[in-house]
Structures are given as structure tokens and as C-alpha cells.
Amino acid sequence: MTNLEETAGELQAAHSSGKNAVELALLSREKLGAAFGVISFIASFRLAFEIPLPVLQRAQAWQGFGWGGTSISDEEFSAIISPWLTQR
């Protein structure tokens, strides 16, 4: 099992225990450590929740990641990601 698969499993478990989208994003960053980046964020959420790539590409602009350029707020991030979390 890869780090991404392990992280995806932990994200699913955390969501089942009531974590919201922002908390899941922070958990992803914590679990992946130095391997965390745009690609690993997208991959782990895609594996965990089958979120479409265009949705994740918009979500990666979240201010909490600090990847520069245009950023979106916690509320915008949650609005983008949350609908996909309830489908699993």
C-alpha cells in the first residue's frame, strides 16, 4: 500500500468520524508530510472520495495550502469539496 492509499483510507475514516473538508485537508497535509503537494493532495482526495479532477483542481487553491497565486477561503474550499464527501 502506498502512502497515498494509506492517507486516502485515513481520510475516509476521519470523514466517517465527523471531520469536515478543511479538517480533512489539514489531515492530508499532516499525514503526507514532505510528500505533500498539489499532486498528492489531488491524488489522496481522488482515491478517498472519487472527487472529479476539475473539482480538485479548483480546491487546490485553498489559502490553507499556501501555494501562492489566487487563493480561496475555508468556506469556498468547503463548498467545493463537501458535496462530494456526502456521496460516500
N, C-alpha and C. Protein backbone atom coordinates (compact mmCIF):
# COMPACT_ATOMS: atom_id res chain seq x y z
N MET A 1 0.85 -1.18 0.00
CA MET A 1 0.00 0.00 0.00
C MET A 1 0.89 1.25 0.00
N THR A 2 0.57 2.18 -0.86
CA THR A 2 1.36 3.41 -0.94
C THR A 2 0.94 4.40 0.13
N ASN A 3 1.77 5.40 0.33
CA ASN A 3 1.44 6.49 1.25
C ASN A 3 0.12 7.14 0.87
N LEU A 4 -0.12 7.29 -0.43
CA LEU A 4 -1.37 7.92 -0.88
C LEU A 4 -2.57 7.05 -0.53
N GLU A 5 -2.43 5.74 -0.71
CA GLU A 5 -3.54 4.84 -0.38
C GLU A 5 -3.80 4.83 1.12
N GLU A 6 -2.74 4.83 1.91
CA GLU A 6 -2.89 4.88 3.36
C GLU A 6 -3.57 6.18 3.78
N THR A 7 -3.12 7.27 3.19
CA THR A 7 -3.70 8.57 3.51
C THR A 7 -5.17 8.61 3.10
N ALA A 8 -5.50 8.07 1.93
CA ALA A 8 -6.89 8.03 1.48
C ALA A 8 -7.76 7.26 2.47
N GLY A 9 -7.27 6.14 2.96
CA GLY A 9 -8.00 5.36 3.96
C GLY A 9 -8.20 6.15 5.25
N GLU A 10 -7.18 6.88 5.66
CA GLU A 10 -7.29 7.69 6.87
C GLU A 10 -8.26 8.85 6.67
N LEU A 11 -8.28 9.40 5.46
CA LEU A 11 -9.24 10.47 5.16
C LEU A 11 -10.67 9.94 5.24
N GLN A 12 -10.91 8.76 4.69
CA GLN A 12 -12.24 8.16 4.74
C GLN A 12 -12.67 7.93 6.19
N ALA A 13 -11.76 7.37 6.99
CA ALA A 13 -12.07 7.11 8.39
C ALA A 13 -12.33 8.41 9.15
N ALA A 14 -11.53 9.43 8.89
CA ALA A 14 -11.70 10.72 9.56
C ALA A 14 -13.03 11.35 9.17
N HIS A 15 -13.41 11.23 7.90
CA HIS A 15 -14.70 11.77 7.46
C HIS A 15 -15.84 11.02 8.14
N SER A 16 -15.71 9.72 8.25
CA SER A 16 -16.74 8.91 8.92
C SER A 16 -16.89 9.31 10.39
N SER A 17 -15.81 9.79 10.99
CA SER A 17 -15.88 10.19 12.39
C SER A 17 -16.27 11.66 12.56
N GLY A 18 -16.62 12.32 11.44
CA GLY A 18 -17.18 13.66 11.54
C GLY A 18 -16.28 14.82 11.13
N LYS A 19 -15.09 14.54 10.61
CA LYS A 19 -14.20 15.63 10.17
C LYS A 19 -14.78 16.30 8.93
N ASN A 20 -14.64 17.65 8.88
CA ASN A 20 -15.14 18.39 7.72
C ASN A 20 -14.04 18.52 6.64
N ALA A 21 -14.36 19.19 5.57
CA ALA A 21 -13.44 19.28 4.42
C ALA A 21 -12.11 19.94 4.80
N VAL A 22 -12.15 21.02 5.55
CA VAL A 22 -10.92 21.71 5.94
C VAL A 22 -10.09 20.82 6.85
N GLU A 23 -10.73 20.16 7.80
CA GLU A 23 -10.00 19.25 8.70
C GLU A 23 -9.37 18.10 7.92
N LEU A 24 -10.06 17.61 6.90
CA LEU A 24 -9.52 16.53 6.06
C LEU A 24 -8.31 17.02 5.27
N ALA A 25 -8.37 18.24 4.76
CA ALA A 25 -7.24 18.79 4.02
C ALA A 25 -6.01 18.91 4.91
N LEU A 26 -6.22 19.37 6.13
CA LEU A 26 -5.11 19.51 7.08
C LEU A 26 -4.57 18.14 7.47
N LEU A 27 -5.44 17.16 7.61
CA LEU A 27 -5.01 15.80 7.91
C LEU A 27 -4.17 15.24 6.77
N SER A 28 -4.60 15.48 5.55
CA SER A 28 -3.86 15.03 4.38
C SER A 28 -2.45 15.61 4.39
N ARG A 29 -2.35 16.90 4.66
CA ARG A 29 -1.04 17.56 4.71
C ARG A 29 -0.18 16.96 5.82
N GLU A 30 -0.79 16.73 6.97
CA GLU A 30 -0.05 16.16 8.11
C GLU A 30 0.44 14.75 7.80
N LYS A 31 -0.42 13.91 7.25
CA LYS A 31 -0.07 12.51 7.00
C LYS A 31 0.98 12.35 5.91
N LEU A 32 0.91 13.19 4.88
CA LEU A 32 1.85 13.07 3.77
C LEU A 32 3.19 13.77 4.04
N GLY A 33 3.20 14.69 4.97
CA GLY A 33 4.45 15.35 5.36
C GLY A 33 5.17 15.98 4.18
N ALA A 34 6.44 15.64 4.03
CA ALA A 34 7.28 16.21 2.97
C ALA A 34 6.78 15.86 1.57
N ALA A 35 6.00 14.78 1.45
CA ALA A 35 5.47 14.37 0.15
C ALA A 35 4.22 15.15 -0.24
N PHE A 36 3.74 16.03 0.66
CA PHE A 36 2.51 16.77 0.39
C PHE A 36 2.75 17.87 -0.62
N GLY A 37 1.87 17.93 -1.61
CA GLY A 37 1.90 18.96 -2.63
C GLY A 37 0.60 18.92 -3.42
N VAL A 38 0.52 19.70 -4.47
CA VAL A 38 -0.70 19.75 -5.28
C VAL A 38 -1.08 18.36 -5.77
N ILE A 39 -0.13 17.64 -6.33
CA ILE A 39 -0.42 16.32 -6.90
C ILE A 39 -0.86 15.33 -5.83
N SER A 40 -0.16 15.30 -4.70
CA SER A 40 -0.53 14.34 -3.65
C SER A 40 -1.87 14.70 -3.00
N PHE A 41 -2.17 16.00 -2.87
CA PHE A 41 -3.49 16.40 -2.37
C PHE A 41 -4.57 15.88 -3.30
N ILE A 42 -4.43 16.16 -4.58
CA ILE A 42 -5.43 15.73 -5.57
C ILE A 42 -5.56 14.21 -5.56
N ALA A 43 -4.43 13.51 -5.57
CA ALA A 43 -4.46 12.04 -5.62
C ALA A 43 -5.12 11.45 -4.38
N SER A 44 -4.79 11.95 -3.21
CA SER A 44 -5.34 11.36 -1.98
C SER A 44 -6.85 11.60 -1.88
N PHE A 45 -7.32 12.79 -2.24
CA PHE A 45 -8.76 13.05 -2.19
C PHE A 45 -9.50 12.31 -3.29
N ARG A 46 -8.86 12.15 -4.42
CA ARG A 46 -9.49 11.40 -5.52
C ARG A 46 -9.64 9.93 -5.13
N LEU A 47 -8.59 9.36 -4.54
CA LEU A 47 -8.65 7.97 -4.08
C LEU A 47 -9.68 7.79 -2.97
N ALA A 48 -9.71 8.72 -2.05
CA ALA A 48 -10.59 8.59 -0.88
C ALA A 48 -12.06 8.80 -1.21
N PHE A 49 -12.36 9.78 -2.06
CA PHE A 49 -13.74 10.20 -2.25
C PHE A 49 -14.22 10.24 -3.71
N GLU A 50 -13.36 9.83 -4.64
CA GLU A 50 -13.70 9.82 -6.07
C GLU A 50 -14.17 11.19 -6.56
N ILE A 51 -13.53 12.23 -6.05
CA ILE A 51 -13.86 13.60 -6.46
C ILE A 51 -13.27 13.84 -7.85
N PRO A 52 -14.05 14.38 -8.76
CA PRO A 52 -13.54 14.62 -10.12
C PRO A 52 -12.34 15.58 -10.13
N LEU A 53 -11.47 15.36 -11.05
CA LEU A 53 -10.24 16.16 -11.17
C LEU A 53 -10.51 17.67 -11.27
N PRO A 54 -11.46 18.13 -12.09
CA PRO A 54 -11.70 19.59 -12.17
C PRO A 54 -12.10 20.20 -10.82
N VAL A 55 -12.83 19.47 -10.01
CA VAL A 55 -13.23 19.95 -8.68
C VAL A 55 -12.00 20.10 -7.81
N LEU A 56 -11.13 19.10 -7.82
CA LEU A 56 -9.92 19.13 -7.01
C LEU A 56 -8.94 20.20 -7.50
N GLN A 57 -8.92 20.44 -8.80
CA GLN A 57 -8.05 21.49 -9.32
C GLN A 57 -8.49 22.86 -8.82
N ARG A 58 -9.79 23.07 -8.68
CA ARG A 58 -10.28 24.33 -8.10
C ARG A 58 -9.97 24.38 -6.61
N ALA A 59 -10.16 23.27 -5.92
CA ALA A 59 -9.96 23.23 -4.47
C ALA A 59 -8.51 23.42 -4.06
N GLN A 60 -7.57 23.06 -4.92
CA GLN A 60 -6.16 23.17 -4.55
C GLN A 60 -5.72 24.62 -4.36
N ALA A 61 -6.57 25.58 -4.70
CA ALA A 61 -6.25 27.00 -4.49
C ALA A 61 -6.56 27.45 -3.06
N TRP A 62 -6.93 26.52 -2.18
CA TRP A 62 -7.28 26.88 -0.80
C TRP A 62 -6.14 27.61 -0.12
N GLN A 63 -6.47 28.68 0.57
CA GLN A 63 -5.49 29.51 1.26
C GLN A 63 -4.69 28.73 2.30
N GLY A 64 -5.26 27.69 2.86
CA GLY A 64 -4.59 26.89 3.88
C GLY A 64 -3.39 26.12 3.36
N PHE A 65 -3.34 25.93 2.04
CA PHE A 65 -2.19 25.23 1.45
C PHE A 65 -1.03 26.20 1.21
N GLY A 66 -1.35 27.46 0.97
CA GLY A 66 -0.31 28.46 0.76
C GLY A 66 0.53 28.25 -0.48
N TRP A 67 -0.09 27.78 -1.56
CA TRP A 67 0.65 27.51 -2.79
C TRP A 67 0.74 28.73 -3.70
N GLY A 68 0.41 29.89 -3.18
CA GLY A 68 0.56 31.12 -3.96
C GLY A 68 -0.54 31.31 -4.97
N GLY A 69 -0.43 32.41 -5.71
CA GLY A 69 -1.42 32.71 -6.73
C GLY A 69 -2.77 33.03 -6.11
N THR A 70 -3.82 32.77 -6.83
CA THR A 70 -5.17 33.00 -6.36
C THR A 70 -5.50 32.00 -5.26
N SER A 71 -6.12 32.50 -4.20
CA SER A 71 -6.48 31.57 -3.13
C SER A 71 -7.96 31.70 -2.80
N ILE A 72 -8.51 30.60 -2.29
CA ILE A 72 -9.91 30.58 -1.88
C ILE A 72 -9.97 30.39 -0.36
N SER A 73 -11.05 30.84 0.23
CA SER A 73 -11.24 30.79 1.68
C SER A 73 -11.62 29.39 2.14
N ASP A 74 -11.65 29.23 3.46
CA ASP A 74 -12.11 27.96 4.05
C ASP A 74 -13.53 27.65 3.58
N GLU A 75 -14.37 28.67 3.56
CA GLU A 75 -15.77 28.49 3.17
C GLU A 75 -15.89 28.05 1.72
N GLU A 76 -15.11 28.68 0.83
CA GLU A 76 -15.14 28.29 -0.58
C GLU A 76 -14.61 26.87 -0.76
N PHE A 77 -13.53 26.54 -0.06
CA PHE A 77 -12.97 25.19 -0.13
C PHE A 77 -14.02 24.17 0.31
N SER A 78 -14.67 24.44 1.42
CA SER A 78 -15.70 23.52 1.92
C SER A 78 -16.86 23.40 0.94
N ALA A 79 -17.26 24.51 0.34
CA ALA A 79 -18.37 24.48 -0.62
C ALA A 79 -18.02 23.64 -1.85
N ILE A 80 -16.77 23.63 -2.24
CA ILE A 80 -16.33 22.85 -3.41
C ILE A 80 -16.23 21.37 -3.07
N ILE A 81 -15.65 21.05 -1.92
CA ILE A 81 -15.35 19.66 -1.56
C ILE A 81 -16.51 18.94 -0.87
N SER A 82 -17.21 19.61 0.02
CA SER A 82 -18.21 18.95 0.87
C SER A 82 -19.28 18.15 0.12
N PRO A 83 -19.81 18.65 -1.00
CA PRO A 83 -20.84 17.85 -1.68
C PRO A 83 -20.34 16.46 -2.09
N TRP A 84 -19.07 16.35 -2.35
CA TRP A 84 -18.51 15.06 -2.78
C TRP A 84 -18.26 14.13 -1.60
N LEU A 85 -18.09 14.70 -0.42
CA LEU A 85 -17.85 13.88 0.77
C LEU A 85 -19.10 13.13 1.20
N THR A 86 -20.26 13.72 0.96
CA THR A 86 -21.50 13.09 1.40
C THR A 86 -21.95 11.95 0.49
N GLN A 87 -21.30 11.81 -0.64
CA GLN A 87 -21.70 10.77 -1.58
C GLN A 87 -21.11 9.40 -1.25
N ARG A 88 -20.23 9.33 -0.26
CA ARG A 88 -19.62 8.04 0.07
C ARG A 88 -20.02 7.59 1.43
